[in-house]
Amino acid sequence: MAKRMAEVLNTSDWQTPLPLSTVSRSDGRWRSDHGFRGGAWPAINYSIASGLAAYGHRDLAADITDKMVAHVIRQGISEYYDSISGKPLGVRNNGMVCVILTMMLDGLCRKHSLEVRKT
């Protein structure tokens, strides 16, 4: 199932400029700026990337998390984002976006890293 999921998520229906949209672009209800009809959520992307990495799809997981982390660094923390324009949507500075740090701490990213400093 993980292999099939990776194949599907690696298509243009799901690989929006800011991945992953919550609904396939081929779905008639898709809207890039709507929360659960096509927006991109850091918390959802973390869950998906964690599962992909656990089943051997580390490159796809890193692509998703690197794009999301870079975007949050540029745009600031928001609950979710427009999956095409990247515009921050929902609640600004929403605490659940701390998963951005977890993406890096868990080693899901290739381009971004973070480690806990021992004192």
PDB file of N, CA and C in Angstrom:
ATOM      1  N   MET A   1       0.811  -1.192   0.000  1.00  0.00           N
ATOM      2  CA  MET A   1       0.000   0.000   0.000  1.00  0.00           C
ATOM      3  C   MET A   1       0.860   1.262   0.000  1.00  0.00           C
ATOM      4  N   ALA A   2       1.967   1.220   0.732  1.00  0.00           N
ATOM      5  CA  ALA A   2       2.846   2.391   0.776  1.00  0.00           C
ATOM      6  C   ALA A   2       3.425   2.693  -0.603  1.00  0.00           C
ATOM      7  N   LYS A   3       3.782   1.645  -1.332  1.00  0.00           N
ATOM      8  CA  LYS A   3       4.317   1.833  -2.683  1.00  0.00           C
ATOM      9  C   LYS A   3       3.279   2.497  -3.577  1.00  0.00           C
ATOM     10  N   ARG A   4       2.055   2.043  -3.506  1.00  0.00           N
ATOM     11  CA  ARG A   4       0.976   2.628  -4.320  1.00  0.00           C
ATOM     12  C   ARG A   4       0.713   4.072  -3.902  1.00  0.00           C
ATOM     13  N   MET A   5       0.721   4.328  -2.603  1.00  0.00           N
ATOM     14  CA  MET A   5       0.503   5.691  -2.116  1.00  0.00           C
ATOM     15  C   MET A   5       1.608   6.617  -2.637  1.00  0.00           C
ATOM     16  N   ALA A   6       2.849   6.160  -2.578  1.00  0.00           N
ATOM     17  CA  ALA A   6       3.959   6.977  -3.075  1.00  0.00           C
ATOM     18  C   ALA A   6       3.809   7.251  -4.565  1.00  0.00           C
ATOM     19  N   GLU A   7       3.397   6.245  -5.320  1.00  0.00           N
ATOM     20  CA  GLU A   7       3.188   6.434  -6.763  1.00  0.00           C
ATOM     21  C   GLU A   7       2.122   7.486  -7.027  1.00  0.00           C
ATOM     22  N   VAL A   8       1.016   7.402  -6.315  1.00  0.00           N
ATOM     23  CA  VAL A   8      -0.089   8.347  -6.509  1.00  0.00           C
ATOM     24  C   VAL A   8       0.325   9.753  -6.082  1.00  0.00           C
ATOM     25  N   LEU A   9       0.964   9.875  -4.915  1.00  0.00           N
ATOM     26  CA  LEU A   9       1.353  11.189  -4.411  1.00  0.00           C
ATOM     27  C   LEU A   9       2.437  11.849  -5.251  1.00  0.00           C
ATOM     28  N   ASN A  10       3.125  11.090  -6.047  1.00  0.00           N
ATOM     29  CA  ASN A  10       4.187  11.622  -6.887  1.00  0.00           C
ATOM     30  C   ASN A  10       3.675  12.092  -8.249  1.00  0.00           C
ATOM     31  N   THR A  11       2.357  12.215  -8.421  1.00  0.00           N
ATOM     32  CA  THR A  11       1.770  12.684  -9.677  1.00  0.00           C
ATOM     33  C   THR A  11       1.412  14.161  -9.581  1.00  0.00           C
ATOM     34  N   SER A  12       1.176  14.777 -10.721  1.00  0.00           N
ATOM     35  CA  SER A  12       0.820  16.206 -10.738  1.00  0.00           C
ATOM     36  C   SER A  12      -0.516  16.483 -10.060  1.00  0.00           C
ATOM     37  N   ASP A  13      -1.360  15.475  -9.910  1.00  0.00           N
ATOM     38  CA  ASP A  13      -2.621  15.672  -9.180  1.00  0.00           C
ATOM     39  C   ASP A  13      -2.362  16.047  -7.730  1.00  0.00           C
ATOM     40  N   TRP A  14      -1.269  15.579  -7.170  1.00  0.00           N
ATOM     41  CA  TRP A  14      -0.966  15.812  -5.756  1.00  0.00           C
ATOM     42  C   TRP A  14       0.234  16.710  -5.539  1.00  0.00           C
ATOM     43  N   GLN A  15       1.172  16.737  -6.470  1.00  0.00           N
ATOM     44  CA  GLN A  15       2.383  17.532  -6.300  1.00  0.00           C
ATOM     45  C   GLN A  15       2.140  18.969  -6.738  1.00  0.00           C
ATOM     46  N   THR A  16       1.428  19.686  -5.909  1.00  0.00           N
ATOM     47  CA  THR A  16       1.191  21.109  -6.135  1.00  0.00           C
ATOM     48  C   THR A  16       2.481  21.869  -5.807  1.00  0.00           C
ATOM     49  N   PRO A  17       2.607  23.135  -6.211  1.00  0.00           N
ATOM     50  CA  PRO A  17       3.827  23.878  -5.899  1.00  0.00           C
ATOM     51  C   PRO A  17       4.201  23.807  -4.407  1.00  0.00           C
ATOM     52  N   LEU A  18       3.204  23.854  -3.538  1.00  0.00           N
ATOM     53  CA  LEU A  18       3.428  23.610  -2.122  1.00  0.00           C
ATOM     54  C   LEU A  18       2.691  22.320  -1.789  1.00  0.00           C
ATOM     55  N   PRO A  19       3.417  21.211  -1.762  1.00  0.00           N
ATOM     56  CA  PRO A  19       2.736  19.925  -1.543  1.00  0.00           C
ATOM     57  C   PRO A  19       2.366  19.751  -0.071  1.00  0.00           C
ATOM     58  N   LEU A  20       1.538  18.883   0.177  1.00  0.00           N
ATOM     59  CA  LEU A  20       0.600  18.156  -0.661  1.00  0.00           C
ATOM     60  C   LEU A  20      -0.759  18.789  -0.483  1.00  0.00           C
ATOM     61  N   SER A  21      -1.503  18.919  -1.533  1.00  0.00           N
ATOM     62  CA  SER A  21      -2.864  19.431  -1.375  1.00  0.00           C
ATOM     63  C   SER A  21      -3.708  18.347  -0.716  1.00  0.00           C
ATOM     64  N   THR A  22      -4.731  18.747  -0.005  1.00  0.00           N
ATOM     65  CA  THR A  22      -5.561  17.787   0.731  1.00  0.00           C
ATOM     66  C   THR A  22      -6.532  17.032  -0.154  1.00  0.00           C
ATOM     67  N   VAL A  23      -6.704  17.475  -1.387  1.00  0.00           N
ATOM     68  CA  VAL A  23      -7.583  16.811  -2.349  1.00  0.00           C
ATOM     69  C   VAL A  23      -6.865  16.826  -3.697  1.00  0.00           C
ATOM     70  N   SER A  24      -7.020  15.787  -4.446  1.00  0.00           N
ATOM     71  CA  SER A  24      -6.414  15.701  -5.766  1.00  0.00           C
ATOM     72  C   SER A  24      -6.899  16.848  -6.655  1.00  0.00           C
ATOM     73  N   ARG A  25      -5.991  17.399  -7.443  1.00  0.00           N
ATOM     74  CA  ARG A  25      -6.378  18.485  -8.361  1.00  0.00           C
ATOM     75  C   ARG A  25      -7.394  18.033  -9.398  1.00  0.00           C
ATOM     76  N   SER A  26      -7.501  16.752  -9.641  1.00  0.00           N
ATOM     77  CA  SER A  26      -8.485  16.266 -10.616  1.00  0.00           C
ATOM     78  C   SER A  26      -9.885  16.129 -10.005  1.00  0.00           C
ATOM     79  N   ASP A  27     -10.007  16.318  -8.708  1.00  0.00           N
ATOM     80  CA  ASP A  27     -11.306  16.272  -8.035  1.00  0.00           C
ATOM     81  C   ASP A  27     -12.042  17.586  -8.323  1.00  0.00           C
ATOM     82  N   GLY A  28     -13.265  17.510  -8.740  1.00  0.00           N
ATOM     83  CA  GLY A  28     -14.052  18.700  -9.079  1.00  0.00           C
ATOM     84  C   GLY A  28     -14.259  19.658  -7.915  1.00  0.00           C
ATOM     85  N   ARG A  29     -14.080  19.188  -6.703  1.00  0.00           N
ATOM     86  CA  ARG A  29     -14.245  20.047  -5.513  1.00  0.00           C
ATOM     87  C   ARG A  29     -12.957  20.754  -5.122  1.00  0.00           C
ATOM     88  N   TRP A  30     -11.849  20.462  -5.804  1.00  0.00           N
ATOM     89  CA  TRP A  30     -10.543  20.992  -5.430  1.00  0.00           C
ATOM     90  C   TRP A  30     -10.492  22.506  -5.554  1.00  0.00           C
ATOM     91  N   ARG A  31      -9.959  23.139  -4.521  1.00  0.00           N
ATOM     92  CA  ARG A  31      -9.663  24.574  -4.508  1.00  0.00           C
ATOM     93  C   ARG A  31      -8.378  24.750  -3.725  1.00  0.00           C
ATOM     94  N   SER A  32      -7.389  25.331  -4.312  1.00  0.00           N
ATOM     95  CA  SER A  32      -6.075  25.436  -3.679  1.00  0.00           C
ATOM     96  C   SER A  32      -6.081  26.224  -2.373  1.00  0.00           C
ATOM     97  N   ASP A  33      -7.082  27.091  -2.211  1.00  0.00           N
ATOM     98  CA  ASP A  33      -7.122  27.950  -1.017  1.00  0.00           C
ATOM     99  C   ASP A  33      -8.137  27.489   0.025  1.00  0.00           C
ATOM    100  N   HIS A  34      -8.645  26.291  -0.124  1.00  0.00           N
ATOM    101  CA  HIS A  34      -9.650  25.793   0.814  1.00  0.00           C
ATOM    102  C   HIS A  34      -9.009  24.739   1.710  1.00  0.00           C
ATOM    103  N   GLY A  35      -9.224  24.859   2.992  1.00  0.00           N
ATOM    104  CA  GLY A  35      -8.599  23.982   3.976  1.00  0.00           C
ATOM    105  C   GLY A  35      -8.568  22.517   3.616  1.00  0.00           C
ATOM    106  N   PHE A  36      -9.724  21.896   3.549  1.00  0.00           N
ATOM    107  CA  PHE A  36      -9.746  20.462   3.283  1.00  0.00           C
ATOM    108  C   PHE A  36     -10.288  20.136   1.899  1.00  0.00           C
ATOM    109  N   ARG A  37     -10.152  21.072   0.989  1.00  0.00           N
ATOM    110  CA  ARG A  37     -10.502  20.830  -0.410  1.00  0.00           C
ATOM    111  C   ARG A  37      -9.321  21.141  -1.319  1.00  0.00           C
ATOM    112  N   GLY A  38      -8.125  21.286  -0.739  1.00  0.00           N
ATOM    113  CA  GLY A  38      -6.960  21.514  -1.583  1.00  0.00           C
ATOM    114  C   GLY A  38      -5.836  22.316  -0.972  1.00  0.00           C
ATOM    115  N   GLY A  39      -5.992  22.781   0.254  1.00  0.00           N
ATOM    116  CA  GLY A  39      -4.916  23.506   0.921  1.00  0.00           C
ATOM    117  C   GLY A  39      -3.793  22.560   1.335  1.00  0.00           C
ATOM    118  N   ALA A  40      -2.668  23.123   1.734  1.00  0.00           N
ATOM    119  CA  ALA A  40      -1.514  22.335   2.201  1.00  0.00           C
ATOM    120  C   ALA A  40      -1.312  22.600   3.690  1.00  0.00           C
ATOM    121  N   TRP A  41      -1.350  21.551   4.474  1.00  0.00           N
ATOM    122  CA  TRP A  41      -1.255  21.632   5.936  1.00  0.00           C
ATOM    123  C   TRP A  41       0.056  21.028   6.415  1.00  0.00           C
ATOM    124  N   PRO A  42       0.855  21.760   7.186  1.00  0.00           N
ATOM    125  CA  PRO A  42       2.095  21.187   7.715  1.00  0.00           C
ATOM    126  C   PRO A  42       1.860  19.914   8.540  1.00  0.00           C
ATOM    127  N   ALA A  43       0.856  19.901   9.392  1.00  0.00           N
ATOM    128  CA  ALA A  43       0.628  18.732  10.250  1.00  0.00           C
ATOM    129  C   ALA A  43       0.261  17.494   9.437  1.00  0.00           C
ATOM    130  N   ILE A  44      -0.551  17.671   8.422  1.00  0.00           N
ATOM    131  CA  ILE A  44      -0.926  16.539   7.563  1.00  0.00           C
ATOM    132  C   ILE A  44       0.292  16.070   6.772  1.00  0.00           C
ATOM    133  N   ASN A  45       1.079  17.010   6.265  1.00  0.00           N
ATOM    134  CA  ASN A  45       2.275  16.638   5.513  1.00  0.00           C
ATOM    135  C   ASN A  45       3.272  15.888   6.391  1.00  0.00           C
ATOM    136  N   TYR A  46       3.365  16.273   7.656  1.00  0.00           N
ATOM    137  CA  TYR A  46       4.252  15.552   8.572  1.00  0.00           C
ATOM    138  C   TYR A  46       3.803  14.097   8.717  1.00  0.00           C
ATOM    139  N   SER A  47       2.527  13.890   8.903  1.00  0.00           N
ATOM    140  CA  SER A  47       2.009  12.525   9.057  1.00  0.00           C
ATOM    141  C   SER A  47       2.272  11.692   7.807  1.00  0.00           C
ATOM    142  N   ILE A  48       2.008  12.279   6.648  1.00  0.00           N
ATOM    143  CA  ILE A  48       2.222  11.563   5.381  1.00  0.00           C
ATOM    144  C   ILE A  48       3.703  11.267   5.180  1.00  0.00           C
ATOM    145  N   ALA A  49       4.549  12.274   5.389  1.00  0.00           N
ATOM    146  CA  ALA A  49       5.989  12.089   5.185  1.00  0.00           C
ATOM    147  C   ALA A  49       6.566  11.059   6.157  1.00  0.00           C
ATOM    148  N   SER A  50       6.102  11.062   7.383  1.00  0.00           N
ATOM    149  CA  SER A  50       6.582  10.075   8.365  1.00  0.00           C
ATOM    150  C   SER A  50       6.265   8.662   7.905  1.00  0.00           C
ATOM    151  N   GLY A  51       5.043   8.460   7.435  1.00  0.00           N
ATOM    152  CA  GLY A  51       4.650   7.146   6.944  1.00  0.00           C
ATOM    153  C   GLY A  51       5.430   6.735   5.714  1.00  0.00           C
ATOM    154  N   LEU A  52       5.597   7.656   4.778  1.00  0.00           N
ATOM    155  CA  LEU A  52       6.365   7.347   3.570  1.00  0.00           C
ATOM    156  C   LEU A  52       7.797   6.949   3.917  1.00  0.00           C
ATOM    157  N   ALA A  53       8.419   7.724   4.798  1.00  0.00           N
ATOM    158  CA  ALA A  53       9.806   7.426   5.189  1.00  0.00           C
ATOM    159  C   ALA A  53       9.905   6.073   5.886  1.00  0.00           C
ATOM    160  N   ALA A  54       8.942   5.773   6.733  1.00  0.00           N
ATOM    161  CA  ALA A  54       8.954   4.498   7.467  1.00  0.00           C
ATOM    162  C   ALA A  54       8.874   3.299   6.533  1.00  0.00           C
ATOM    163  N   TYR A  55       8.280   3.500   5.365  1.00  0.00           N
ATOM    164  CA  TYR A  55       8.135   2.402   4.407  1.00  0.00           C
ATOM    165  C   TYR A  55       9.095   2.517   3.225  1.00  0.00           C
ATOM    166  N   GLY A  56      10.181   3.275   3.430  1.00  0.00           N
ATOM    167  CA  GLY A  56      11.244   3.299   2.443  1.00  0.00           C
ATOM    168  C   GLY A  56      11.164   4.352   1.359  1.00  0.00           C
ATOM    169  N   HIS A  57      10.235   5.265   1.451  1.00  0.00           N
ATOM    170  CA  HIS A  57      10.077   6.309   0.428  1.00  0.00           C
ATOM    171  C   HIS A  57      10.636   7.633   0.957  1.00  0.00           C
ATOM    172  N   ARG A  58      11.902   7.588   1.376  1.00  0.00           N
ATOM    173  CA  ARG A  58      12.545   8.734   2.020  1.00  0.00           C
ATOM    174  C   ARG A  58      12.723   9.928   1.076  1.00  0.00           C
ATOM    175  N   ASP A  59      12.976   9.671  -0.210  1.00  0.00           N
ATOM    176  CA  ASP A  59      13.163  10.791  -1.150  1.00  0.00           C
ATOM    177  C   ASP A  59      11.882  11.606  -1.303  1.00  0.00           C
ATOM    178  N   LEU A  60      10.759  10.938  -1.451  1.00  0.00           N
ATOM    179  CA  LEU A  60       9.481  11.639  -1.567  1.00  0.00           C
ATOM    180  C   LEU A  60       9.156  12.353  -0.265  1.00  0.00           C
ATOM    181  N   ALA A  61       9.406  11.705   0.859  1.00  0.00           N
ATOM    182  CA  ALA A  61       9.167  12.330   2.160  1.00  0.00           C
ATOM    183  C   ALA A  61      10.016  13.590   2.310  1.00  0.00           C
ATOM    184  N   ALA A  62      11.281  13.515   1.910  1.00  0.00           N
ATOM    185  CA  ALA A  62      12.174  14.673   2.012  1.00  0.00           C
ATOM    186  C   ALA A  62      11.737  15.798   1.084  1.00  0.00           C
ATOM    187  N   ASP A  63      11.278  15.460  -0.102  1.00  0.00           N
ATOM    188  CA  ASP A  63      10.806  16.486  -1.037  1.00  0.00           C
ATOM    189  C   ASP A  63       9.622  17.251  -0.437  1.00  0.00           C
ATOM    190  N   ILE A  64       8.691  16.519   0.129  1.00  0.00           N
ATOM    191  CA  ILE A  64       7.510  17.143   0.741  1.00  0.00           C
ATOM    192  C   ILE A  64       7.919  18.027   1.911  1.00  0.00           C
ATOM    193  N   THR A  65       8.735  17.496   2.816  1.00  0.00           N
ATOM    194  CA  THR A  65       9.078  18.248   4.025  1.00  0.00           C
ATOM    195  C   THR A  65      10.023  19.412   3.730  1.00  0.00           C
ATOM    196  N   ASP A  66      10.977  19.226   2.830  1.00  0.00           N
ATOM    197  CA  ASP A  66      11.867  20.340   2.488  1.00  0.00           C
ATOM    198  C   ASP A  66      11.096  21.520   1.916  1.00  0.00           C
ATOM    199  N   LYS A  67      10.147  21.234   1.043  1.00  0.00           N
ATOM    200  CA  LYS A  67       9.345  22.320   0.456  1.00  0.00           C
ATOM    201  C   LYS A  67       8.493  23.006   1.515  1.00  0.00           C
ATOM    202  N   MET A  68       7.911  22.248   2.410  1.00  0.00           N
ATOM    203  CA  MET A  68       7.068  22.839   3.447  1.00  0.00           C
ATOM    204  C   MET A  68       7.902  23.661   4.429  1.00  0.00           C
ATOM    205  N   VAL A  69       9.036  23.138   4.869  1.00  0.00           N
ATOM    206  CA  VAL A  69       9.889  23.871   5.813  1.00  0.00           C
ATOM    207  C   VAL A  69      10.390  25.170   5.181  1.00  0.00           C
ATOM    208  N   ALA A  70      10.880  25.097   3.957  1.00  0.00           N
ATOM    209  CA  ALA A  70      11.376  26.302   3.277  1.00  0.00           C
ATOM    210  C   ALA A  70      10.272  27.341   3.146  1.00  0.00           C
ATOM    211  N   HIS A  71       9.073  26.868   2.841  1.00  0.00           N
ATOM    212  CA  HIS A  71       7.958  27.796   2.679  1.00  0.00           C
ATOM    213  C   HIS A  71       7.598  28.483   3.992  1.00  0.00           C
ATOM    214  N   VAL A  72       7.547  27.732   5.065  1.00  0.00           N
ATOM    215  CA  VAL A  72       7.220  28.319   6.370  1.00  0.00           C
ATOM    216  C   VAL A  72       8.301  29.306   6.794  1.00  0.00           C
ATOM    217  N   ILE A  73       9.552  29.009   6.507  1.00  0.00           N
ATOM    218  CA  ILE A  73      10.632  29.950   6.824  1.00  0.00           C
ATOM    219  C   ILE A  73      10.423  31.261   6.067  1.00  0.00           C
ATOM    220  N   ARG A  74      10.015  31.173   4.797  1.00  0.00           N
ATOM    221  CA  ARG A  74       9.788  32.381   3.977  1.00  0.00           C
ATOM    222  C   ARG A  74       8.509  33.128   4.353  1.00  0.00           C
ATOM    223  N   GLN A  75       7.412  32.399   4.546  1.00  0.00           N
ATOM    224  CA  GLN A  75       6.092  33.014   4.703  1.00  0.00           C
ATOM    225  C   GLN A  75       5.643  33.201   6.147  1.00  0.00           C
ATOM    226  N   GLY A  76       6.251  32.509   7.060  1.00  0.00           N
ATOM    227  CA  GLY A  76       5.825  32.576   8.453  1.00  0.00           C
ATOM    228  C   GLY A  76       4.858  31.446   8.784  1.00  0.00           C
ATOM    229  N   ILE A  77       4.584  31.316  10.052  1.00  0.00           N
ATOM    230  CA  ILE A  77       3.761  30.215  10.547  1.00  0.00           C
ATOM    231  C   ILE A  77       2.285  30.528  10.352  1.00  0.00           C
ATOM    232  N   SER A  78       1.592  29.582   9.773  1.00  0.00           N
ATOM    233  CA  SER A  78       0.157  29.686   9.604  1.00  0.00           C
ATOM    234  C   SER A  78      -0.440  28.289   9.686  1.00  0.00           C
ATOM    235  N   GLU A  79      -1.709  28.216   9.982  1.00  0.00           N
ATOM    236  CA  GLU A  79      -2.379  26.922  10.142  1.00  0.00           C
ATOM    237  C   GLU A  79      -2.265  26.057   8.893  1.00  0.00           C
ATOM    238  N   TYR A  80      -2.490  26.680   7.729  1.00  0.00           N
ATOM    239  CA  TYR A  80      -2.336  25.990   6.451  1.00  0.00           C
ATOM    240  C   TYR A  80      -2.090  27.029   5.373  1.00  0.00           C
ATOM    241  N   TYR A  81      -1.838  26.552   4.138  1.00  0.00           N
ATOM    242  CA  TYR A  81      -1.428  27.438   3.047  1.00  0.00           C
ATOM    243  C   TYR A  81      -2.145  27.071   1.760  1.00  0.00           C
ATOM    244  N   ASP A  82      -2.274  28.061   0.887  1.00  0.00           N
ATOM    245  CA  ASP A  82      -2.773  27.806  -0.465  1.00  0.00           C
ATOM    246  C   ASP A  82      -1.734  26.921  -1.149  1.00  0.00           C
ATOM    247  N   SER A  83      -2.153  25.791  -1.688  1.00  0.00           N
ATOM    248  CA  SER A  83      -1.198  24.836  -2.256  1.00  0.00           C
ATOM    249  C   SER A  83      -0.616  25.285  -3.597  1.00  0.00           C
ATOM    250  N   ILE A  84      -1.182  26.323  -4.202  1.00  0.00           N
ATOM    251  CA  ILE A  84      -0.635  26.852  -5.460  1.00  0.00           C
ATOM    252  C   ILE A  84       0.166  28.131  -5.208  1.00  0.00           C
ATOM    253  N   SER A  85      -0.454  29.128  -4.595  1.00  0.00           N
ATOM    254  CA  SER A  85       0.235  30.409  -4.383  1.00  0.00           C
ATOM    255  C   SER A  85       1.116  30.420  -3.138  1.00  0.00           C
ATOM    256  N   GLY A  86       0.821  29.542  -2.183  1.00  0.00           N
ATOM    257  CA  GLY A  86       1.568  29.515  -0.932  1.00  0.00           C
ATOM    258  C   GLY A  86       1.081  30.511   0.099  1.00  0.00           C
ATOM    259  N   LYS A  87       0.033  31.254  -0.227  1.00  0.00           N
ATOM    260  CA  LYS A  87      -0.492  32.262   0.693  1.00  0.00           C
ATOM    261  C   LYS A  87      -0.856  31.617   2.035  1.00  0.00           C
ATOM    262  N   PRO A  88      -0.407  32.239   3.148  1.00  0.00           N
ATOM    263  CA  PRO A  88      -0.788  31.722   4.464  1.00  0.00           C
ATOM    264  C   PRO A  88      -2.297  31.856   4.683  1.00  0.00           C
ATOM    265  N   LEU A  89      -2.907  30.805   5.194  1.00  0.00           N
ATOM    266  CA  LEU A  89      -4.351  30.783   5.438  1.00  0.00           C
ATOM    267  C   LEU A  89      -4.630  30.272   6.858  1.00  0.00           C
ATOM    268  N   GLY A  90      -5.850  30.410   7.271  1.00  0.00           N
ATOM    269  CA  GLY A  90      -6.211  29.929   8.594  1.00  0.00           C
ATOM    270  C   GLY A  90      -5.633  30.810   9.685  1.00  0.00           C
ATOM    271  N   VAL A  91      -5.354  30.220  10.812  1.00  0.00           N
ATOM    272  CA  VAL A  91      -4.882  30.943  11.990  1.00  0.00           C
ATOM    273  C   VAL A  91      -3.375  31.172  11.895  1.00  0.00           C
ATOM    274  N   ARG A  92      -2.956  32.426  11.967  1.00  0.00           N
ATOM    275  CA  ARG A  92      -1.524  32.758  11.971  1.00  0.00           C
ATOM    276  C   ARG A  92      -0.912  32.306  13.296  1.00  0.00           C
ATOM    277  N   ASN A  93       0.332  31.897  13.245  1.00  0.00           N
ATOM    278  CA  ASN A  93       1.087  31.482  14.424  1.00  0.00           C
ATOM    279  C   ASN A  93       0.429  30.342  15.185  1.00  0.00           C
ATOM    280  N   ASN A  94      -0.263  29.482  14.459  1.00  0.00           N
ATOM    281  CA  ASN A  94      -0.942  28.338  15.058  1.00  0.00           C
ATOM    282  C   ASN A  94       0.086  27.355  15.615  1.00  0.00           C
ATOM    283  N   GLY A  95      -0.096  26.950  16.853  1.00  0.00           N
ATOM    284  CA  GLY A  95       0.872  26.103  17.536  1.00  0.00           C
ATOM    285  C   GLY A  95       1.101  24.746  16.914  1.00  0.00           C
ATOM    286  N   MET A  96       0.086  24.199  16.217  1.00  0.00           N
ATOM    287  CA  MET A  96       0.285  22.863  15.655  1.00  0.00           C
ATOM    288  C   MET A  96       1.317  22.849  14.535  1.00  0.00           C
ATOM    289  N   VAL A  97       1.729  24.014  14.086  1.00  0.00           N
ATOM    290  CA  VAL A  97       2.740  24.085  13.038  1.00  0.00           C
ATOM    291  C   VAL A  97       4.135  23.801  13.612  1.00  0.00           C
ATOM    292  N   CYS A  98       4.196  23.530  14.914  1.00  0.00           N
ATOM    293  CA  CYS A  98       5.478  23.122  15.493  1.00  0.00           C
ATOM    294  C   CYS A  98       5.972  21.831  14.841  1.00  0.00           C
ATOM    295  N   VAL A  99       5.107  21.156  14.084  1.00  0.00           N
ATOM    296  CA  VAL A  99       5.554  19.961  13.360  1.00  0.00           C
ATOM    297  C   VAL A  99       6.652  20.308  12.360  1.00  0.00           C
ATOM    298  N   ILE A 100       6.790  21.570  11.989  1.00  0.00           N
ATOM    299  CA  ILE A 100       7.895  21.991  11.121  1.00  0.00           C
ATOM    300  C   ILE A 100       9.214  21.641  11.811  1.00  0.00           C
ATOM    301  N   LEU A 101       9.306  21.914  13.099  1.00  0.00           N
ATOM    302  CA  LEU A 101      10.499  21.555  13.861  1.00  0.00           C
ATOM    303  C   LEU A 101      10.653  20.043  13.936  1.00  0.00           C
ATOM    304  N   THR A 102       9.545  19.353  14.131  1.00  0.00           N
ATOM    305  CA  THR A 102       9.577  17.894  14.240  1.00  0.00           C
ATOM    306  C   THR A 102      10.028  17.264  12.934  1.00  0.00           C
ATOM    307  N   MET A 103       9.629  17.839  11.800  1.00  0.00           N
ATOM    308  CA  MET A 103      10.086  17.326  10.503  1.00  0.00           C
ATOM    309  C   MET A 103      11.610  17.312  10.452  1.00  0.00           C
ATOM    310  N   MET A 104      12.206  18.401  10.939  1.00  0.00           N
ATOM    311  CA  MET A 104      13.663  18.501  10.911  1.00  0.00           C
ATOM    312  C   MET A 104      14.294  17.603  11.974  1.00  0.00           C
ATOM    313  N   LEU A 105      13.757  17.608  13.182  1.00  0.00           N
ATOM    314  CA  LEU A 105      14.302  16.778  14.259  1.00  0.00           C
ATOM    315  C   LEU A 105      14.222  15.297  13.943  1.00  0.00           C
ATOM    316  N   ASP A 106      13.166  14.886  13.254  1.00  0.00           N
ATOM    317  CA  ASP A 106      13.002  13.484  12.876  1.00  0.00           C
ATOM    318  C   ASP A 106      13.866  13.079  11.682  1.00  0.00           C
ATOM    319  N   GLY A 107      14.545  14.037  11.083  1.00  0.00           N
ATOM    320  CA  GLY A 107      15.413  13.728   9.953  1.00  0.00           C
ATOM    321  C   GLY A 107      14.662  13.451   8.662  1.00  0.00           C
ATOM    322  N   LEU A 108      13.444  13.972   8.542  1.00  0.00           N
ATOM    323  CA  LEU A 108      12.659  13.749   7.322  1.00  0.00           C
ATOM    324  C   LEU A 108      13.135  14.625   6.165  1.00  0.00           C
ATOM    325  N   CYS A 109      13.734  15.763   6.486  1.00  0.00           N
ATOM    326  CA  CYS A 109      14.190  16.701   5.464  1.00  0.00           C
ATOM    327  C   CYS A 109      15.583  16.329   4.969  1.00  0.00           C
ATOM    328  N   ARG A 110      15.882  16.752   3.768  1.00  0.00           N
ATOM    329  CA  ARG A 110      17.214  16.581   3.209  1.00  0.00           C
ATOM    330  C   ARG A 110      17.982  17.906   3.293  1.00  0.00           C
ATOM    331  N   LYS A 111      17.284  19.009   3.072  1.00  0.00           N
ATOM    332  CA  LYS A 111      17.938  20.322   3.001  1.00  0.00           C
ATOM    333  C   LYS A 111      17.915  21.084   4.319  1.00  0.00           C
ATOM    334  N   HIS A 112      17.051  20.709   5.212  1.00  0.00           N
ATOM    335  CA  HIS A 112      16.897  21.428   6.481  1.00  0.00           C
ATOM    336  C   HIS A 112      17.115  20.459   7.634  1.00  0.00           C
ATOM    337  N   SER A 113      17.854  20.920   8.624  1.00  0.00           N
ATOM    338  CA  SER A 113      18.083  20.056   9.775  1.00  0.00           C
ATOM    339  C   SER A 113      18.069  20.873  11.044  1.00  0.00           C
ATOM    340  N   LEU A 114      17.872  20.176  12.123  1.00  0.00           N
ATOM    341  CA  LEU A 114      17.796  20.811  13.432  1.00  0.00           C
ATOM    342  C   LEU A 114      18.171  19.721  14.424  1.00  0.00           C
ATOM    343  N   GLU A 115      18.912  20.101  15.413  1.00  0.00           N
ATOM    344  CA  GLU A 115      19.222  19.136  16.460  1.00  0.00           C
ATOM    345  C   GLU A 115      19.154  19.825  17.812  1.00  0.00           C
ATOM    346  N   VAL A 116      18.871  19.046  18.810  1.00  0.00           N
ATOM    347  CA  VAL A 116      18.791  19.570  20.164  1.00  0.00           C
ATOM    348  C   VAL A 116      20.222  19.726  20.674  1.00  0.00           C
ATOM    349  N   ARG A 117      20.544  20.918  21.131  1.00  0.00           N
ATOM    350  CA  ARG A 117      21.885  21.202  21.619  1.00  0.00           C
ATOM    351  C   ARG A 117      21.973  20.808  23.081  1.00  0.00           C
ATOM    352  N   LYS A 118      22.971  20.037  23.398  1.00  0.00           N
ATOM    353  CA  LYS A 118      23.199  19.639  24.794  1.00  0.00           C
ATOM    354  C   LYS A 118      24.054  20.696  25.473  1.00  0.00           C
ATOM    355  N   THR A 119      23.655  21.060  26.667  1.00  0.00           N
ATOM    356  CA  THR A 119      24.420  22.093  27.384  1.00  0.00           C
ATOM    357  C   THR A 119      25.195  21.501  28.527  1.00  0.00           C
TER     358      THR A 119
END
